[in-house]
Amino acid sequence: MANALVSIQIIPKTKNGEDVIPYVDEAIKLIEDSGVTYQVNALETTMEGELSKLLSVVENMNEKMTELGSPSVISQVKIAYRPEGITMGELTEKYR
């Protein structure tokens, strides 16, 4: 069972002021390839799973941005942690 939700907004700096969307698309692909449950929203992506796994995904996302040529990256991260379990659905069901 998932014990954490991690939301991330990744903001890569581009070398020549290029559009960041292709970088963000690569970051989201990395999340998808990790196998964790996730939901893309307008300004951030939320992942659901074990905290250590999700933090590893965040680390990999930052590394991927630099591999793609970004000289630096800002990642804004929010974490909801509940050892007995937590899901995105629990937090949003009353709005659905």
C-alpha atoms as a PDB file:
ATOM      1  CA  MET A   1       0.000   0.000   0.000  1.00  0.00           C
ATOM      2  CA  ALA A   2       1.168   3.525  -0.807  1.00  0.00           C
ATOM      3  CA  ASN A   3       2.340   5.501   2.204  1.00  0.00           C
ATOM      4  CA  ALA A   4       3.030   8.787   0.417  1.00  0.00           C
ATOM      5  CA  LEU A   5       1.884  11.259  -2.164  1.00  0.00           C
ATOM      6  CA  VAL A   6       4.568  13.388  -3.767  1.00  0.00           C
ATOM      7  CA  SER A   7       3.689  16.288  -6.020  1.00  0.00           C
ATOM      8  CA  ILE A   8       6.422  17.801  -8.144  1.00  0.00           C
ATOM      9  CA  GLN A   9       6.727  20.803 -10.370  1.00  0.00           C
ATOM     10  CA  ILE A  10      10.022  20.557 -12.217  1.00  0.00           C
ATOM     11  CA  ILE A  11      11.444  23.747 -13.705  1.00  0.00           C
ATOM     12  CA  PRO A  12      14.545  23.114 -15.800  1.00  0.00           C
ATOM     13  CA  LYS A  13      16.652  26.040 -16.926  1.00  0.00           C
ATOM     14  CA  THR A  14      17.312  25.789 -20.641  1.00  0.00           C
ATOM     15  CA  LYS A  15      20.607  26.723 -22.277  1.00  0.00           C
ATOM     16  CA  ASN A  16      19.267  29.258 -24.747  1.00  0.00           C
ATOM     17  CA  GLY A  17      15.830  30.044 -23.364  1.00  0.00           C
ATOM     18  CA  GLU A  18      14.154  27.211 -25.256  1.00  0.00           C
ATOM     19  CA  ASP A  19      10.673  26.033 -24.353  1.00  0.00           C
ATOM     20  CA  VAL A  20      10.759  23.817 -21.244  1.00  0.00           C
ATOM     21  CA  ILE A  21       7.783  21.655 -22.287  1.00  0.00           C
ATOM     22  CA  PRO A  22       9.912  19.020 -24.082  1.00  0.00           C
ATOM     23  CA  TYR A  23      11.980  18.714 -20.892  1.00  0.00           C
ATOM     24  CA  VAL A  24       8.859  18.388 -18.750  1.00  0.00           C
ATOM     25  CA  ASP A  25       7.497  15.769 -21.160  1.00  0.00           C
ATOM     26  CA  GLU A  26      10.683  13.741 -20.606  1.00  0.00           C
ATOM     27  CA  ALA A  27      10.298  14.087 -16.828  1.00  0.00           C
ATOM     28  CA  ILE A  28       6.717  12.805 -17.030  1.00  0.00           C
ATOM     29  CA  LYS A  29       7.839   9.911 -19.239  1.00  0.00           C
ATOM     30  CA  LEU A  30      10.363   8.994 -16.551  1.00  0.00           C
ATOM     31  CA  ILE A  31       7.537   8.920 -13.977  1.00  0.00           C
ATOM     32  CA  GLU A  32       5.460   6.749 -16.299  1.00  0.00           C
ATOM     33  CA  ASP A  33       8.356   4.362 -16.894  1.00  0.00           C
ATOM     34  CA  SER A  34       8.905   4.036 -13.116  1.00  0.00           C
ATOM     35  CA  GLY A  35       5.576   2.233 -12.760  1.00  0.00           C
ATOM     36  CA  VAL A  36       4.228   4.414  -9.946  1.00  0.00           C
ATOM     37  CA  THR A  37       0.648   5.646  -9.975  1.00  0.00           C
ATOM     38  CA  TYR A  38       0.573   9.278 -11.043  1.00  0.00           C
ATOM     39  CA  GLN A  39      -1.694  12.071 -12.220  1.00  0.00           C
ATOM     40  CA  VAL A  40      -0.607  15.001 -14.387  1.00  0.00           C
ATOM     41  CA  ASN A  41      -2.249  18.306 -13.506  1.00  0.00           C
ATOM     42  CA  ALA A  42      -1.864  21.787 -14.970  1.00  0.00           C
ATOM     43  CA  LEU A  43       1.015  22.920 -12.752  1.00  0.00           C
ATOM     44  CA  GLU A  44       2.364  19.761 -11.128  1.00  0.00           C
ATOM     45  CA  THR A  45       2.301  15.992 -11.257  1.00  0.00           C
ATOM     46  CA  THR A  46       1.299  13.916  -8.238  1.00  0.00           C
ATOM     47  CA  MET A  47       2.716  10.436  -7.646  1.00  0.00           C
ATOM     48  CA  GLU A  48       1.449   7.780  -5.242  1.00  0.00           C
ATOM     49  CA  GLY A  49       3.588   5.060  -3.690  1.00  0.00           C
ATOM     50  CA  GLU A  50       6.287   4.277  -1.171  1.00  0.00           C
ATOM     51  CA  LEU A  51       8.095   7.443  -0.093  1.00  0.00           C
ATOM     52  CA  SER A  52      11.596   6.123  -0.798  1.00  0.00           C
ATOM     53  CA  LYS A  53      10.603   5.072  -4.335  1.00  0.00           C
ATOM     54  CA  LEU A  54       8.955   8.417  -5.061  1.00  0.00           C
ATOM     55  CA  LEU A  55      11.976  10.363  -3.833  1.00  0.00           C
ATOM     56  CA  SER A  56      14.141   8.214  -6.068  1.00  0.00           C
ATOM     57  CA  VAL A  57      11.919   9.158  -9.023  1.00  0.00           C
ATOM     58  CA  VAL A  58      12.353  12.840  -8.124  1.00  0.00           C
ATOM     59  CA  GLU A  59      16.123  12.372  -8.042  1.00  0.00           C
ATOM     60  CA  ASN A  60      16.048  10.622 -11.426  1.00  0.00           C
ATOM     61  CA  MET A  61      13.941  13.428 -12.892  1.00  0.00           C
ATOM     62  CA  ASN A  62      16.490  16.034 -11.871  1.00  0.00           C
ATOM     63  CA  GLU A  63      19.352  13.968 -13.243  1.00  0.00           C
ATOM     64  CA  LYS A  64      17.467  13.502 -16.535  1.00  0.00           C
ATOM     65  CA  MET A  65      17.075  17.258 -16.948  1.00  0.00           C
ATOM     66  CA  THR A  66      20.830  17.758 -16.707  1.00  0.00           C
ATOM     67  CA  GLU A  67      21.433  14.860 -19.109  1.00  0.00           C
ATOM     68  CA  LEU A  68      19.185  16.676 -21.592  1.00  0.00           C
ATOM     69  CA  GLY A  69      21.368  19.770 -21.290  1.00  0.00           C
ATOM     70  CA  SER A  70      19.710  21.803 -18.567  1.00  0.00           C
ATOM     71  CA  PRO A  71      22.459  23.525 -16.569  1.00  0.00           C
ATOM     72  CA  SER A  72      20.257  23.691 -13.446  1.00  0.00           C
ATOM     73  CA  VAL A  73      16.854  22.592 -12.204  1.00  0.00           C
ATOM     74  CA  ILE A  74      14.373  23.817  -9.618  1.00  0.00           C
ATOM     75  CA  SER A  75      12.023  21.167  -8.233  1.00  0.00           C
ATOM     76  CA  GLN A  76       9.142  22.226  -6.058  1.00  0.00           C
ATOM     77  CA  VAL A  77       8.036  19.164  -4.095  1.00  0.00           C
ATOM     78  CA  LYS A  78       5.125  18.556  -1.728  1.00  0.00           C
ATOM     79  CA  ILE A  79       4.927  15.382   0.333  1.00  0.00           C
ATOM     80  CA  ALA A  80       1.972  13.866   2.157  1.00  0.00           C
ATOM     81  CA  TYR A  81       3.107  10.925   4.272  1.00  0.00           C
ATOM     82  CA  ARG A  82       0.898   8.539   6.233  1.00  0.00           C
ATOM     83  CA  PRO A  83       2.535   5.264   7.365  1.00  0.00           C
ATOM     84  CA  GLU A  84      -0.799   3.430   7.444  1.00  0.00           C
ATOM     85  CA  GLY A  85      -1.475   4.386   3.813  1.00  0.00           C
ATOM     86  CA  ILE A  86      -2.679   7.244   1.652  1.00  0.00           C
ATOM     87  CA  THR A  87      -4.083   7.592  -1.861  1.00  0.00           C
ATOM     88  CA  MET A  88      -4.921  10.453  -4.195  1.00  0.00           C
ATOM     89  CA  GLY A  89      -8.484   9.178  -4.283  1.00  0.00           C
ATOM     90  CA  GLU A  90      -8.898   9.525  -0.523  1.00  0.00           C
ATOM     91  CA  LEU A  91      -7.958  13.183  -0.662  1.00  0.00           C
ATOM     92  CA  THR A  92     -10.063  14.078  -3.670  1.00  0.00           C
ATOM     93  CA  GLU A  93     -13.090  11.764  -3.581  1.00  0.00           C
ATOM     94  CA  LYS A  94     -15.437  14.386  -2.145  1.00  0.00           C
ATOM     95  CA  TYR A  95     -14.717  16.578  -5.185  1.00  0.00           C
ATOM     96  CA  ARG A  96     -15.370  13.896  -7.784  1.00  0.00           C
END
